[in-house]
């Protein structure tokens, strides 16, 4: 009797469990029967996690994200919301039930597509971004935590079917849902439709690129960049100061190449202000963004139409490749930097 009460309370807390669609409730395992062979106690939480969500919840999810034409059946929605770890749980607690389809094949394909769309977009928008920062930006846009957050916003958490283990966390399982949806859009519609979905749900988010760029020796890096651009030797100039002989002085330093000011920084010492001015000059170059109307993505060259990009017939669109960014140079030297540029 206590097990049945716990079963009802657990089913009431989980939105994806509805007794209206169950063939039998309470389940046979929840009814206590005296037996000489001891059996493990009935766990309502585990039983509830093995039940499929009601069809109404699956249909509502497909319409909520605007993909009712792609996720047209309950089985397709259930497939993208079923992680590859779920069959282990089903085999352990419900071995007699029909095997379910998982997103094991869709999630890797969707992950590759997410990386493709994010990489081409960030590289085209910021052509001078260093490679390490580019990789970090791609991870921030379409990484595991971002995919899990997008799935949470979609309302996929109550529909997720998975099994926790040492190798699988809740974020990993939840992140597989938008990845599988991306792959399904690519398979049923086209590459451009999948790219539109990724741009709408992922690449429209703002990320802090400035915080990802770190310099050990910004003055050396700035000197090398000036040489590559064949500009005049940089010079730092004191623009403003206050409280030089007090306990809290403030100095404002600007770095100039000829008459052009490259960067500006402040600090409690001239050395700190010059360091920050060099960082500011490098940030202005690396974070130069191409306007959206001037961006030409490589995937935009494919012809529009449904089906694989290798089978769709149509006229290809022209593509103007972006200018290559400057080559990167890493600086690793011990001790303090002796590079300086002052009047």
Protein backbone atom coordinates (compact mmCIF):
# COMPACT_ATOMS: atom_id res chain seq x y z
CA UNK A 1 0.00 0.00 0.00
CA UNK A 2 2.85 2.38 0.81
CA UNK A 3 4.51 1.60 -2.53
CA UNK A 4 1.29 2.46 -4.39
CA UNK A 5 1.00 5.78 -2.56
CA UNK A 6 4.59 6.64 -3.40
CA UNK A 7 3.92 5.67 -7.02
CA UNK A 8 0.95 8.03 -7.27
CA UNK A 9 2.83 10.93 -5.65
CA UNK A 10 5.84 10.45 -7.93
CA UNK A 11 3.68 10.27 -11.04
CA UNK A 12 1.96 13.48 -10.01
CA UNK A 13 5.29 15.33 -9.67
CA UNK A 14 6.65 14.28 -13.08
CA UNK A 15 4.86 16.08 -15.90
CA UNK A 16 5.79 13.49 -18.53
CA UNK A 17 3.94 10.66 -16.76
CA UNK A 18 0.21 10.47 -17.40
CA UNK A 19 -1.90 7.54 -16.28
CA UNK A 20 -4.39 8.18 -19.10
CA UNK A 21 -2.01 6.66 -21.66
CA UNK A 22 -0.82 3.72 -19.57
CA UNK A 23 -2.27 0.28 -20.37
CA UNK A 24 -2.22 -0.67 -16.71
CA UNK A 25 -2.03 1.41 -13.56
CA UNK A 26 -0.79 0.75 -10.98
CA UNK A 27 1.79 -1.55 -12.59
CA UNK A 28 2.00 -5.17 -11.69
CA UNK A 29 5.34 -4.69 -9.98
CA UNK A 30 3.86 -2.19 -7.53
CA UNK A 31 1.38 -4.69 -6.12
CA UNK A 32 2.93 -6.55 -3.23
CA UNK A 33 2.74 -10.30 -3.38
CA UNK A 34 4.12 -12.67 -0.82
CA UNK A 35 6.89 -14.78 -2.31
CA UNK A 36 9.53 -17.05 -0.91
CA UNK A 37 12.07 -15.58 -3.32
CA UNK A 38 13.04 -12.10 -2.14
CA UNK A 39 12.70 -9.34 -4.72
CA UNK A 40 14.08 -5.80 -4.70
CA UNK A 41 11.59 -3.18 -3.51
CA UNK A 42 9.59 -1.36 -6.11
CA UNK A 43 11.09 2.05 -7.02
CA UNK A 44 8.42 4.42 -8.39
CA UNK A 45 11.04 6.94 -9.55
CA UNK A 46 12.77 4.36 -11.71
CA UNK A 47 9.46 3.07 -13.02
CA UNK A 48 8.35 6.59 -13.94
CA UNK A 49 11.63 7.27 -15.81
CA UNK A 50 11.04 4.24 -18.06
CA UNK A 51 7.53 5.37 -19.10
CA UNK A 52 7.20 7.24 -22.41
CA UNK A 53 5.83 10.79 -22.28
CA UNK A 54 2.20 11.24 -23.34
CA UNK A 55 1.61 11.98 -27.04
CA UNK A 56 0.12 15.35 -26.16
CA UNK A 57 3.39 16.46 -24.55
CA UNK A 58 5.39 15.29 -27.56
CA UNK A 59 3.10 17.13 -29.98
CA UNK A 60 3.20 20.28 -27.86
CA UNK A 61 7.01 20.20 -27.87
CA UNK A 62 7.17 19.95 -31.68
CA UNK A 63 4.77 22.89 -32.14
CA UNK A 64 6.46 24.94 -29.41
CA UNK A 65 9.78 25.03 -31.26
CA UNK A 66 8.09 25.51 -34.63
CA UNK A 67 9.17 22.17 -36.14
CA UNK A 68 5.87 20.32 -36.41
CA UNK A 69 6.60 19.59 -40.08
CA UNK A 70 9.90 17.92 -39.21
CA UNK A 71 8.83 16.25 -35.96
CA UNK A 72 5.56 15.15 -37.50
CA UNK A 73 5.05 11.97 -35.45
CA UNK A 74 5.30 11.13 -31.78
CA UNK A 75 7.97 8.53 -32.56
CA UNK A 76 10.24 11.13 -34.15
CA UNK A 77 9.95 13.43 -31.13
CA UNK A 78 10.50 10.51 -28.79
CA UNK A 79 13.59 9.52 -30.75
CA UNK A 80 15.33 12.90 -30.47
CA UNK A 81 14.51 13.03 -26.74
CA UNK A 82 15.85 9.53 -25.99
CA UNK A 83 19.55 9.42 -25.13
CA UNK A 84 21.73 6.48 -26.12
CA UNK A 85 22.10 5.53 -22.44
CA UNK A 86 18.38 4.82 -22.02
CA UNK A 87 18.41 1.22 -23.41
CA UNK A 88 20.62 0.22 -20.47
CA UNK A 89 17.94 1.42 -18.04
CA UNK A 90 15.20 -0.24 -20.08
CA UNK A 91 17.04 -3.54 -20.25
CA UNK A 92 17.52 -3.49 -16.50
CA UNK A 93 14.00 -2.58 -15.37
CA UNK A 94 11.74 -3.24 -18.38
CA UNK A 95 13.35 -5.97 -20.48
CA UNK A 96 10.07 -7.21 -21.93
CA UNK A 97 9.06 -3.88 -23.51
CA UNK A 98 9.67 -2.96 -27.13
CA UNK A 99 13.09 -1.53 -27.84
CA UNK A 100 13.04 2.20 -28.44
CA UNK A 101 14.96 4.24 -30.97
CA UNK A 102 17.55 6.63 -29.56
CA UNK A 103 19.34 9.67 -30.90
CA UNK A 104 22.69 7.82 -30.92
CA UNK A 105 23.11 8.32 -34.67
CA UNK A 106 21.55 11.77 -34.90
CA UNK A 107 23.47 13.50 -32.09
CA UNK A 108 27.00 13.07 -33.58
CA UNK A 109 25.82 14.32 -36.97
CA UNK A 110 24.09 17.27 -35.36
CA UNK A 111 27.18 18.06 -33.30
CA UNK A 112 29.28 18.16 -36.48
CA UNK A 113 26.77 20.46 -38.18
CA UNK A 114 26.68 22.77 -35.16
CA UNK A 115 30.47 23.01 -35.21
CA UNK A 116 30.46 23.69 -38.96
CA UNK A 117 27.91 26.49 -38.81
CA UNK A 118 29.44 28.10 -35.72
CA UNK A 119 33.00 27.96 -37.07
CA UNK A 120 32.19 29.51 -40.43
CA UNK A 121 30.06 32.22 -38.83
CA UNK A 122 32.60 33.27 -36.17
CA UNK A 123 35.56 33.06 -38.55
CA UNK A 124 33.76 35.17 -41.16
CA UNK A 125 32.54 37.71 -38.60
CA UNK A 126 35.94 38.01 -36.85
CA UNK A 127 38.64 37.23 -39.45
CA UNK A 128 41.56 38.26 -37.19
CA UNK A 129 40.54 36.16 -34.19
CA UNK A 130 43.32 33.85 -32.91
CA UNK A 131 42.78 30.13 -33.40
CA UNK A 132 42.58 29.30 -29.71
CA UNK A 133 40.03 32.04 -29.13
CA UNK A 134 38.08 30.83 -32.18
CA UNK A 135 37.88 27.33 -30.70
CA UNK A 136 36.78 28.73 -27.34
CA UNK A 137 34.14 30.87 -29.03
CA UNK A 138 32.77 27.86 -30.93
CA UNK A 139 32.54 25.91 -27.68
CA UNK A 140 30.75 28.82 -26.03
CA UNK A 141 28.24 29.06 -28.88
CA UNK A 142 27.44 25.37 -29.48
CA UNK A 143 29.18 23.48 -26.67
CA UNK A 144 27.62 20.99 -24.29
CA UNK A 145 26.51 23.53 -21.71
CA UNK A 146 24.97 25.80 -24.36
CA UNK A 147 23.14 22.88 -26.00
CA UNK A 148 21.81 21.81 -22.61
CA UNK A 149 20.63 25.36 -21.90
CA UNK A 150 18.89 25.55 -25.28
CA UNK A 151 17.18 22.20 -24.64
CA UNK A 152 16.06 23.48 -21.24
CA UNK A 153 14.58 26.60 -22.82
CA UNK A 154 12.82 24.46 -25.43
CA UNK A 155 11.13 22.48 -22.68
CA UNK A 156 12.85 19.19 -23.49
CA UNK A 157 13.85 18.37 -19.89
CA UNK A 158 10.55 16.66 -18.91
CA UNK A 159 10.66 14.60 -22.12
CA UNK A 160 14.27 13.46 -21.80
CA UNK A 161 14.81 9.71 -21.36
CA UNK A 162 18.29 8.79 -20.18
CA UNK A 163 20.28 6.82 -17.62
CA UNK A 164 22.88 8.37 -15.34
CA UNK A 165 26.31 6.76 -15.25
CA UNK A 166 29.94 7.70 -14.69
CA UNK A 167 30.27 8.70 -18.35
CA UNK A 168 26.88 10.37 -18.83
CA UNK A 169 25.64 13.39 -16.92
CA UNK A 170 22.32 15.17 -17.16
CA UNK A 171 23.88 18.00 -19.20
CA UNK A 172 25.36 15.52 -21.68
CA UNK A 173 22.02 13.79 -22.17
CA UNK A 174 20.10 17.06 -22.43
CA UNK A 175 22.61 18.47 -24.95
CA UNK A 176 21.91 15.57 -27.31
CA UNK A 177 18.35 16.83 -27.95
CA UNK A 178 19.12 20.00 -29.97
CA UNK A 179 21.96 18.16 -31.70
CA UNK A 180 19.57 15.42 -32.81
CA UNK A 181 17.02 18.01 -33.94
CA UNK A 182 19.67 19.72 -36.08
CA UNK A 183 20.56 16.41 -37.75
CA UNK A 184 16.90 15.57 -38.32
CA UNK A 185 16.28 18.93 -40.00
CA UNK A 186 19.28 18.28 -42.24
CA UNK A 187 18.02 14.82 -43.19
CA UNK A 188 14.39 15.76 -43.81
CA UNK A 189 14.80 19.28 -45.22
CA UNK A 190 18.18 20.68 -46.25
CA UNK A 191 21.51 21.98 -45.08
CA UNK A 192 20.33 25.58 -45.30
CA UNK A 193 17.29 24.80 -43.15
CA UNK A 194 19.55 23.27 -40.51
CA UNK A 195 21.78 26.35 -40.67
CA UNK A 196 18.77 28.62 -40.18
CA UNK A 197 17.77 26.62 -37.09
CA UNK A 198 21.29 26.90 -35.64
CA UNK A 199 21.46 30.64 -36.33
CA UNK A 200 18.08 31.19 -34.68
CA UNK A 201 18.70 29.17 -31.52
CA UNK A 202 22.47 29.37 -31.05
CA UNK A 203 24.36 31.98 -33.06
CA UNK A 204 21.95 34.77 -32.15
CA UNK A 205 23.35 34.67 -28.60
CA UNK A 206 26.01 37.15 -27.52
CA UNK A 207 29.27 35.83 -26.06
CA UNK A 208 32.11 37.71 -24.38
CA UNK A 209 35.01 37.38 -26.82
CA UNK A 210 37.06 40.05 -25.09
CA UNK A 211 37.31 37.96 -21.94
CA UNK A 212 38.65 35.02 -23.97
CA UNK A 213 41.66 36.91 -25.35
CA UNK A 214 44.62 36.92 -22.99
CA UNK A 215 48.15 38.18 -23.63
CA UNK A 216 51.25 37.35 -21.67
CA UNK A 217 53.27 40.07 -23.42
CA UNK A 218 50.89 42.43 -25.23
CA UNK A 219 53.62 44.96 -26.03
CA UNK A 220 55.68 42.36 -27.89
CA UNK A 221 52.61 41.14 -29.76
CA UNK A 222 51.71 44.70 -30.72
CA UNK A 223 55.23 45.37 -32.00
CA UNK A 224 55.11 42.29 -34.23
CA UNK A 225 51.67 43.24 -35.53
CA UNK A 226 52.86 46.76 -36.39
CA UNK A 227 55.80 45.31 -38.33
CA UNK A 228 53.50 43.03 -40.34
CA UNK A 229 51.25 45.94 -41.25
CA UNK A 230 54.25 48.13 -42.19
CA UNK A 231 53.09 50.89 -39.90
CA UNK A 232 55.19 53.43 -38.03
CA UNK A 233 56.93 52.32 -34.84
CA UNK A 234 54.45 52.63 -31.92
CA UNK A 235 54.99 55.21 -29.23
CA UNK A 236 53.23 55.57 -25.90
CA UNK A 237 52.20 58.99 -24.68
CA UNK A 238 50.92 60.12 -21.34
CA UNK A 239 47.51 61.62 -21.94
CA UNK A 240 46.28 62.41 -18.43
CA UNK A 241 47.37 61.94 -14.86
CA UNK A 242 46.19 62.76 -11.40
CA UNK A 243 47.59 62.25 -7.92
CA UNK A 244 51.13 61.32 -8.99
CA UNK A 245 52.48 61.82 -5.46
CA UNK A 246 49.41 60.52 -3.63
CA UNK A 247 48.50 57.02 -2.45
CA UNK A 248 46.17 56.42 -5.42
CA UNK A 249 47.58 57.92 -8.61
CA UNK A 250 45.88 57.42 -11.95
CA UNK A 251 47.65 57.53 -15.31
CA UNK A 252 46.07 57.41 -18.77
CA UNK A 253 48.40 56.30 -21.57
CA UNK A 254 47.74 56.16 -25.30
CA UNK A 255 49.73 54.22 -27.89
CA UNK A 256 50.18 55.92 -31.25
CA UNK A 257 51.48 54.85 -34.63
CA UNK A 258 52.19 58.14 -36.31
CA UNK A 259 49.11 60.31 -35.87
CA UNK A 260 46.77 57.33 -35.32
CA UNK A 261 45.91 56.30 -31.78
CA UNK A 262 45.91 52.50 -31.58
CA UNK A 263 44.81 52.01 -27.98
CA UNK A 264 44.32 53.60 -24.60
CA UNK A 265 44.67 52.31 -21.05
CA UNK A 266 44.73 53.50 -17.47
CA UNK A 267 46.38 52.27 -14.28
CA UNK A 268 47.94 53.17 -10.97
CA UNK A 269 51.39 53.19 -12.61
CA UNK A 270 52.76 54.10 -15.99
CA UNK A 271 53.74 50.48 -16.60
CA UNK A 272 50.22 49.21 -15.90
CA UNK A 273 48.62 51.91 -18.08
CA UNK A 274 51.00 51.11 -20.95
CA UNK A 275 50.24 47.38 -20.58
CA UNK A 276 46.50 48.00 -20.77
CA UNK A 277 46.90 50.37 -23.71
CA UNK A 278 48.73 47.65 -25.66
CA UNK A 279 45.96 45.18 -24.78
CA UNK A 280 43.33 47.65 -25.95
CA UNK A 281 45.14 48.13 -29.26
CA UNK A 282 45.28 44.36 -29.85
CA UNK A 283 41.61 43.94 -28.89
CA UNK A 284 40.59 46.57 -31.42
CA UNK A 285 42.28 44.54 -34.16
CA UNK A 286 41.27 41.02 -33.12
CA UNK A 287 37.67 42.01 -32.35
CA UNK A 288 37.09 43.85 -35.63
CA UNK A 289 33.71 42.58 -36.81
CA UNK A 290 32.46 42.32 -40.37
CA UNK A 291 28.91 43.74 -40.73
CA UNK A 292 26.20 41.17 -41.34
CA UNK A 293 25.29 42.54 -44.77
CA UNK A 294 28.90 42.10 -45.92
CA UNK A 295 29.32 38.55 -44.61
CA UNK A 296 29.40 35.72 -47.15
CA UNK A 297 29.22 32.27 -45.55
CA UNK A 298 30.65 29.31 -47.48
CA UNK A 299 27.50 27.21 -46.96
CA UNK A 300 25.41 29.91 -48.64
CA UNK A 301 26.78 28.79 -52.02
CA UNK A 302 24.69 25.60 -52.04
CA UNK A 303 21.50 25.73 -54.12
CA UNK A 304 18.23 26.05 -52.27
CA UNK A 305 15.91 23.08 -52.23
CA UNK A 306 14.99 20.05 -50.20
CA UNK A 307 17.30 17.06 -49.98
CA UNK A 308 21.00 16.39 -49.83
CA UNK A 309 23.40 19.06 -51.08
CA UNK A 310 24.86 16.44 -53.44
CA UNK A 311 21.50 15.74 -55.11
CA UNK A 312 19.74 19.10 -55.15
CA UNK A 313 19.79 20.66 -58.59
CA UNK A 314 19.95 24.37 -58.97
CA UNK A 315 22.16 27.36 -59.56
CA UNK A 316 24.91 27.85 -57.04
CA UNK A 317 25.21 31.26 -55.45
CA UNK A 318 28.45 33.26 -55.77
CA UNK A 319 30.78 33.39 -52.80
CA UNK A 320 33.28 36.08 -51.94
CA UNK A 321 35.82 34.71 -49.45
CA UNK A 322 36.83 36.95 -46.59
CA UNK A 323 40.33 38.27 -46.27
CA UNK A 324 42.70 36.04 -44.36
CA UNK A 325 43.60 37.26 -40.92
CA UNK A 326 47.11 37.85 -39.73
CA UNK A 327 49.24 34.83 -38.86
CA UNK A 328 49.60 34.17 -35.16
CA UNK A 329 52.85 34.35 -33.25
CA UNK A 330 53.15 32.93 -29.75
CA UNK A 331 55.51 34.50 -27.27
CA UNK A 332 57.02 32.52 -24.43
CA UNK A 333 59.95 34.06 -22.62
CA UNK A 334 60.99 34.07 -19.00
CA UNK A 335 61.29 37.19 -16.92
CA UNK A 336 59.75 40.54 -17.57
CA UNK A 337 59.25 41.98 -20.99
CA UNK A 338 61.83 44.60 -21.94
CA UNK A 339 59.87 45.83 -24.92
CA UNK A 340 58.77 49.42 -24.60
CA UNK A 341 57.91 52.33 -26.79
CA UNK A 342 57.96 55.79 -25.29
CA UNK A 343 58.69 59.25 -26.51
